[in-house]
PDB file of N, CA and C in Angstrom:
ATOM      1  N   MET A   1     -42.519 -80.326  14.340  1.00  0.00           N
ATOM      2  CA  MET A   1     -43.953 -80.387  14.442  1.00  0.00           C
ATOM      3  C   MET A   1     -44.630 -80.355  13.077  1.00  0.00           C
ATOM      4  N   GLU A   2     -43.849 -80.304  12.045  1.00  0.00           N
ATOM      5  CA  GLU A   2     -44.418 -80.309  10.706  1.00  0.00           C
ATOM      6  C   GLU A   2     -45.076 -81.653  10.389  1.00  0.00           C
ATOM      7  N   TRP A   3     -44.543 -82.715  10.977  1.00  0.00           N
ATOM      8  CA  TRP A   3     -45.096 -84.037  10.702  1.00  0.00           C
ATOM      9  C   TRP A   3     -46.492 -84.202  11.304  1.00  0.00           C
ATOM     10  N   VAL A   4     -46.815 -83.430  12.359  1.00  0.00           N
ATOM     11  CA  VAL A   4     -48.148 -83.513  12.952  1.00  0.00           C
ATOM     12  C   VAL A   4     -49.194 -83.008  11.967  1.00  0.00           C
ATOM     13  N   LYS A   5     -48.866 -81.988  11.204  1.00  0.00           N
ATOM     14  CA  LYS A   5     -49.799 -81.470  10.207  1.00  0.00           C
ATOM     15  C   LYS A   5     -50.053 -82.496   9.112  1.00  0.00           C
ATOM     16  N   ASP A   6     -49.019 -83.251   8.760  1.00  0.00           N
ATOM     17  CA  ASP A   6     -49.153 -84.214   7.672  1.00  0.00           C
ATOM     18  C   ASP A   6     -49.781 -85.536   8.113  1.00  0.00           C
ATOM     19  N   TYR A   7     -49.494 -85.959   9.345  1.00  0.00           N
ATOM     20  CA  TYR A   7     -49.908 -87.292   9.786  1.00  0.00           C
ATOM     21  C   TYR A   7     -50.843 -87.238  10.997  1.00  0.00           C
ATOM     22  N   TRP A   8     -51.689 -86.239  11.091  1.00  0.00           N
ATOM     23  CA  TRP A   8     -52.608 -86.110  12.215  1.00  0.00           C
ATOM     24  C   TRP A   8     -53.615 -87.252  12.229  1.00  0.00           C
ATOM     25  N   TRP A   9     -53.948 -87.772  11.073  1.00  0.00           N
ATOM     26  CA  TRP A   9     -54.949 -88.830  10.999  1.00  0.00           C
ATOM     27  C   TRP A   9     -54.436 -90.135  11.601  1.00  0.00           C
ATOM     28  N   ILE A  10     -53.122 -90.345  11.578  1.00  0.00           N
ATOM     29  CA  ILE A  10     -52.562 -91.555  12.201  1.00  0.00           C
ATOM     30  C   ILE A  10     -52.711 -91.464  13.719  1.00  0.00           C
ATOM     31  N   ILE A  11     -52.507 -90.281  14.265  1.00  0.00           N
ATOM     32  CA  ILE A  11     -52.668 -90.084  15.707  1.00  0.00           C
ATOM     33  C   ILE A  11     -54.121 -90.325  16.106  1.00  0.00           C
ATOM     34  N   VAL A  12     -55.053 -89.864  15.279  1.00  0.00           N
ATOM     35  CA  VAL A  12     -56.470 -90.077  15.567  1.00  0.00           C
ATOM     36  C   VAL A  12     -56.806 -91.563  15.517  1.00  0.00           C
ATOM     37  N   ILE A  13     -56.281 -92.274  14.536  1.00  0.00           N
ATOM     38  CA  ILE A  13     -56.529 -93.719  14.428  1.00  0.00           C
ATOM     39  C   ILE A  13     -55.943 -94.455  15.623  1.00  0.00           C
ATOM     40  N   LEU A  14     -54.735 -94.099  16.037  1.00  0.00           N
ATOM     41  CA  LEU A  14     -54.131 -94.740  17.208  1.00  0.00           C
ATOM     42  C   LEU A  14     -54.941 -94.463  18.471  1.00  0.00           C
ATOM     43  N   LEU A  15     -55.448 -93.265  18.593  1.00  0.00           N
ATOM     44  CA  LEU A  15     -56.281 -92.929  19.738  1.00  0.00           C
ATOM     45  C   LEU A  15     -57.564 -93.754  19.744  1.00  0.00           C
ATOM     46  N   LEU A  16     -58.200 -93.877  18.589  1.00  0.00           N
ATOM     47  CA  LEU A  16     -59.426 -94.671  18.500  1.00  0.00           C
ATOM     48  C   LEU A  16     -59.173 -96.151  18.762  1.00  0.00           C
ATOM     49  N   VAL A  17     -58.056 -96.668  18.284  1.00  0.00           N
ATOM     50  CA  VAL A  17     -57.712 -98.072  18.542  1.00  0.00           C
ATOM     51  C   VAL A  17     -57.489 -98.276  20.034  1.00  0.00           C
ATOM     52  N   GLY A  18     -56.822 -97.325  20.700  1.00  0.00           N
ATOM     53  CA  GLY A  18     -56.610 -97.422  22.141  1.00  0.00           C
ATOM     54  C   GLY A  18     -57.914 -97.401  22.913  1.00  0.00           C
ATOM     55  N   VAL A  19     -58.842 -96.563  22.486  1.00  0.00           N
ATOM     56  CA  VAL A  19     -60.152 -96.521  23.142  1.00  0.00           C
ATOM     57  C   VAL A  19     -60.879 -97.844  22.946  1.00  0.00           C
ATOM     58  N   MET A  20     -60.835 -98.384  21.751  1.00  0.00           N
ATOM     59  CA  MET A  20     -61.523 -99.649  21.480  1.00  0.00           C
ATOM     60  C   MET A  20     -60.921-100.804  22.279  1.00  0.00           C
ATOM     61  N   VAL A  21     -59.606-100.826  22.438  1.00  0.00           N
ATOM     62  CA  VAL A  21     -58.963-101.874  23.227  1.00  0.00           C
ATOM     63  C   VAL A  21     -59.388-101.776  24.686  1.00  0.00           C
ATOM     64  N   ASN A  22     -59.445-100.563  25.229  1.00  0.00           N
ATOM     65  CA  ASN A  22     -59.856-100.392  26.617  1.00  0.00           C
ATOM     66  C   ASN A  22     -61.322-100.755  26.816  1.00  0.00           C
ATOM     67  N   VAL A  23     -62.168-100.426  25.862  1.00  0.00           N
ATOM     68  CA  VAL A  23     -63.578-100.804  25.950  1.00  0.00           C
ATOM     69  C   VAL A  23     -63.705-102.319  25.915  1.00  0.00           C
ATOM     70  N   TYR A  24     -62.963-102.973  25.059  1.00  0.00           N
ATOM     71  CA  TYR A  24     -63.002-104.431  24.968  1.00  0.00           C
ATOM     72  C   TYR A  24     -62.552-105.070  26.283  1.00  0.00           C
ATOM     73  N   LYS A  25     -61.502-104.549  26.872  1.00  0.00           N
ATOM     74  CA  LYS A  25     -61.024-105.084  28.154  1.00  0.00           C
ATOM     75  C   LYS A  25     -62.069-104.904  29.249  1.00  0.00           C
ATOM     76  N   ASP A  26     -62.704-103.738  29.290  1.00  0.00           N
ATOM     77  CA  ASP A  26     -63.719-103.494  30.306  1.00  0.00           C
ATOM     78  C   ASP A  26     -64.935-104.389  30.103  1.00  0.00           C
ATOM     79  N   LEU A  27     -65.324-104.618  28.863  1.00  0.00           N
ATOM     80  CA  LEU A  27     -66.467-105.479  28.605  1.00  0.00           C
ATOM     81  C   LEU A  27     -66.168-106.937  28.935  1.00  0.00           C
ATOM     82  N   LYS A  28     -64.922-107.349  28.791  1.00  0.00           N
ATOM     83  CA  LYS A  28     -64.553-108.724  29.131  1.00  0.00           C
ATOM     84  C   LYS A  28     -64.638-108.966  30.633  1.00  0.00           C
ATOM     85  N   ARG A  29     -64.502-107.897  31.439  1.00  0.00           N
ATOM     86  CA  ARG A  29     -64.549-108.032  32.898  1.00  0.00           C
ATOM     87  C   ARG A  29     -65.967-108.183  33.430  1.00  0.00           C
ATOM     88  N   ILE A  30     -66.970-107.858  32.634  1.00  0.00           N
ATOM     89  CA  ILE A  30     -68.354-107.933  33.086  1.00  0.00           C
ATOM     90  C   ILE A  30     -68.800-109.390  33.109  1.00  0.00           C
ATOM     91  N   ASP A  31     -69.366-109.795  34.237  1.00  0.00           N
ATOM     92  CA  ASP A  31     -69.902-111.148  34.364  1.00  0.00           C
ATOM     93  C   ASP A  31     -71.411-111.084  34.125  1.00  0.00           C
ATOM     94  N   HIS A  32     -71.827-111.349  32.896  1.00  0.00           N
ATOM     95  CA  HIS A  32     -73.234-111.191  32.543  1.00  0.00           C
ATOM     96  C   HIS A  32     -74.116-112.227  33.208  1.00  0.00           C
ATOM     97  N   LYS A  33     -73.592-113.419  33.492  1.00  0.00           N
ATOM     98  CA  LYS A  33     -74.404-114.450  34.154  1.00  0.00           C
ATOM     99  C   LYS A  33     -74.726-114.048  35.582  1.00  0.00           C
ATOM    100  N   LYS A  34     -73.771-113.453  36.270  1.00  0.00           N
ATOM    101  CA  LYS A  34     -74.003-112.984  37.636  1.00  0.00           C
ATOM    102  C   LYS A  34     -75.001-111.829  37.639  1.00  0.00           C
ATOM    103  N   PHE A  35     -74.884-110.938  36.673  1.00  0.00           N
ATOM    104  CA  PHE A  35     -75.824-109.822  36.584  1.00  0.00           C
ATOM    105  C   PHE A  35     -77.240-110.321  36.325  1.00  0.00           C
ATOM    106  N   MET A  36     -77.381-111.263  35.396  1.00  0.00           N
ATOM    107  CA  MET A  36     -78.712-111.769  35.071  1.00  0.00           C
ATOM    108  C   MET A  36     -79.323-112.519  36.252  1.00  0.00           C
ATOM    109  N   ALA A  37     -78.489-113.172  37.073  1.00  0.00           N
ATOM    110  CA  ALA A  37     -79.006-113.890  38.236  1.00  0.00           C
ATOM    111  C   ALA A  37     -79.486-112.917  39.311  1.00  0.00           C
ATOM    112  N   ASN A  38     -78.839-111.762  39.437  1.00  0.00           N
ATOM    113  CA  ASN A  38     -79.185-110.789  40.478  1.00  0.00           C
ATOM    114  C   ASN A  38     -79.790-109.517  39.897  1.00  0.00           C
ATOM    115  N   LYS A  39     -80.434-109.623  38.766  1.00  0.00           N
ATOM    116  CA  LYS A  39     -80.979-108.455  38.074  1.00  0.00           C
ATOM    117  C   LYS A  39     -82.080-107.816  38.909  1.00  0.00           C
ATOM    118  N   PRO A  40     -82.021-106.509  39.137  1.00  0.00           N
ATOM    119  CA  PRO A  40     -83.085-105.857  39.901  1.00  0.00           C
ATOM    120  C   PRO A  40     -84.363-105.749  39.071  1.00  0.00           C
ATOM    121  N   ASP A  41     -85.500-105.780  39.764  1.00  0.00           N
ATOM    122  CA  ASP A  41     -86.777-105.633  39.068  1.00  0.00           C
ATOM    123  C   ASP A  41     -86.945-104.191  38.633  1.00  0.00           C
ATOM    124  N   LEU A  42     -87.441-104.018  37.429  1.00  0.00           N
ATOM    125  CA  LEU A  42     -87.696-102.679  36.927  1.00  0.00           C
ATOM    126  C   LEU A  42     -89.016-102.162  37.467  1.00  0.00           C
ATOM    127  N   PRO A  43     -89.095-100.892  37.763  1.00  0.00           N
ATOM    128  CA  PRO A  43     -90.388-100.342  38.179  1.00  0.00           C
ATOM    129  C   PRO A  43     -91.353-100.348  36.995  1.00  0.00           C
ATOM    130  N   PRO A  44     -92.648-100.318  37.267  1.00  0.00           N
ATOM    131  CA  PRO A  44     -93.584-100.325  36.135  1.00  0.00           C
ATOM    132  C   PRO A  44     -93.400 -99.089  35.269  1.00  0.00           C
ATOM    133  N   HIS A  45     -93.595 -99.300  33.999  1.00  0.00           N
ATOM    134  CA  HIS A  45     -93.409 -98.210  33.048  1.00  0.00           C
ATOM    135  C   HIS A  45     -94.526 -97.185  33.206  1.00  0.00           C
ATOM    136  N   ARG A  46     -94.154 -95.949  33.300  1.00  0.00           N
ATOM    137  CA  ARG A  46     -95.149 -94.881  33.415  1.00  0.00           C
ATOM    138  C   ARG A  46     -95.047 -94.019  32.171  1.00  0.00           C
ATOM    139  N   ASP A  47     -96.131 -93.922  31.473  1.00  0.00           N
ATOM    140  CA  ASP A  47     -96.163 -93.059  30.310  1.00  0.00           C
ATOM    141  C   ASP A  47     -97.244 -92.002  30.505  1.00  0.00           C
ATOM    142  N   PHE A  48     -97.408 -91.157  29.542  1.00  0.00           N
ATOM    143  CA  PHE A  48     -98.371 -90.082  29.653  1.00  0.00           C
ATOM    144  C   PHE A  48     -99.739 -90.482  29.108  1.00  0.00           C
ATOM    145  N   ASN A  49     -99.920 -91.759  28.834  1.00  0.00           N
ATOM    146  CA  ASN A  49    -101.204 -92.237  28.349  1.00  0.00           C
ATOM    147  C   ASN A  49    -102.088 -92.731  29.485  1.00  0.00           C
ATOM    148  N   ASP A  50    -101.673 -92.566  30.727  1.00  0.00           N
ATOM    149  CA  ASP A  50    -102.449 -93.104  31.835  1.00  0.00           C
ATOM    150  C   ASP A  50    -103.791 -92.394  31.999  1.00  0.00           C
ATOM    151  N   LYS A  51    -103.925 -91.171  31.497  1.00  0.00           N
ATOM    152  CA  LYS A  51    -105.213 -90.486  31.616  1.00  0.00           C
ATOM    153  C   LYS A  51    -106.259 -91.091  30.683  1.00  0.00           C
ATOM    154  N   TRP A  52    -105.838 -91.827  29.660  1.00  0.00           N
ATOM    155  CA  TRP A  52    -106.764 -92.480  28.755  1.00  0.00           C
ATOM    156  C   TRP A  52    -107.037 -93.928  29.157  1.00  0.00           C
ATOM    157  N   ASP A  53    -106.409 -94.406  30.194  1.00  0.00           N
ATOM    158  CA  ASP A  53    -106.600 -95.801  30.583  1.00  0.00           C
ATOM    159  C   ASP A  53    -108.019 -96.079  31.055  1.00  0.00           C
ATOM    160  N   ASP A  54    -108.694 -95.084  31.592  1.00  0.00           N
ATOM    161  CA  ASP A  54    -110.066 -95.297  32.066  1.00  0.00           C
ATOM    162  C   ASP A  54    -111.057 -95.402  30.909  1.00  0.00           C
ATOM    163  N   GLU A  55    -110.668 -94.997  29.737  1.00  0.00           N
ATOM    164  CA  GLU A  55    -111.563 -94.999  28.587  1.00  0.00           C
ATOM    165  C   GLU A  55    -111.414 -96.260  27.733  1.00  0.00           C
ATOM    166  N   ASP A  56    -110.983 -97.348  28.336  1.00  0.00           N
ATOM    167  CA  ASP A  56    -110.787 -98.575  27.592  1.00  0.00           C
ATOM    168  C   ASP A  56    -112.115 -99.125  27.091  1.00  0.00           C
ATOM    169  N   ASP A  57    -112.057 -99.802  25.965  1.00  0.00           N
ATOM    170  CA  ASP A  57    -113.239-100.460  25.420  1.00  0.00           C
ATOM    171  C   ASP A  57    -113.341-101.923  25.878  1.00  0.00           C
ATOM    172  N   TRP A  58    -112.364-102.377  26.637  1.00  0.00           N
ATOM    173  CA  TRP A  58    -112.368-103.753  27.090  1.00  0.00           C
ATOM    174  C   TRP A  58    -113.436-103.937  28.164  1.00  0.00           C
ATOM    175  N   PRO A  59    -114.024-105.116  28.225  1.00  0.00           N
ATOM    176  CA  PRO A  59    -115.036-105.351  29.283  1.00  0.00           C
ATOM    177  C   PRO A  59    -114.376-105.349  30.657  1.00  0.00           C
ATOM    178  N   LYS A  60    -115.144-104.911  31.640  1.00  0.00           N
ATOM    179  CA  LYS A  60    -114.645-104.864  33.026  1.00  0.00           C
ATOM    180  C   LYS A  60    -114.562-106.268  33.591  1.00  0.00           C
ATOM    181  N   LYS A  61    -113.516-106.541  34.358  1.00  0.00           N
ATOM    182  CA  LYS A  61    -113.423-107.845  35.045  1.00  0.00           C
ATOM    183  C   LYS A  61    -114.313-107.824  36.281  1.00  0.00           C
ATOM    184  N   LYS A  62    -114.965-108.928  36.515  1.00  0.00           N
ATOM    185  CA  LYS A  62    -115.882-108.997  37.652  1.00  0.00           C
ATOM    186  C   LYS A  62    -115.285-109.772  38.786  1.00  0.00           C
TER     187      LYS A  62
END
């Protein structure tokens, strides 16, 4: 186990390379064209500025 103390960084690099390979494989499986065709509509954005929306300087629509 003495070699683990000396070469721990190689184990870390191999682990990171393995993670990157698995991420690449998973990303290759995603069909982005199918997702974009069936993309769900996002709900309207709600922020905390809605209390100031009534104080607009824009003219009112008639």
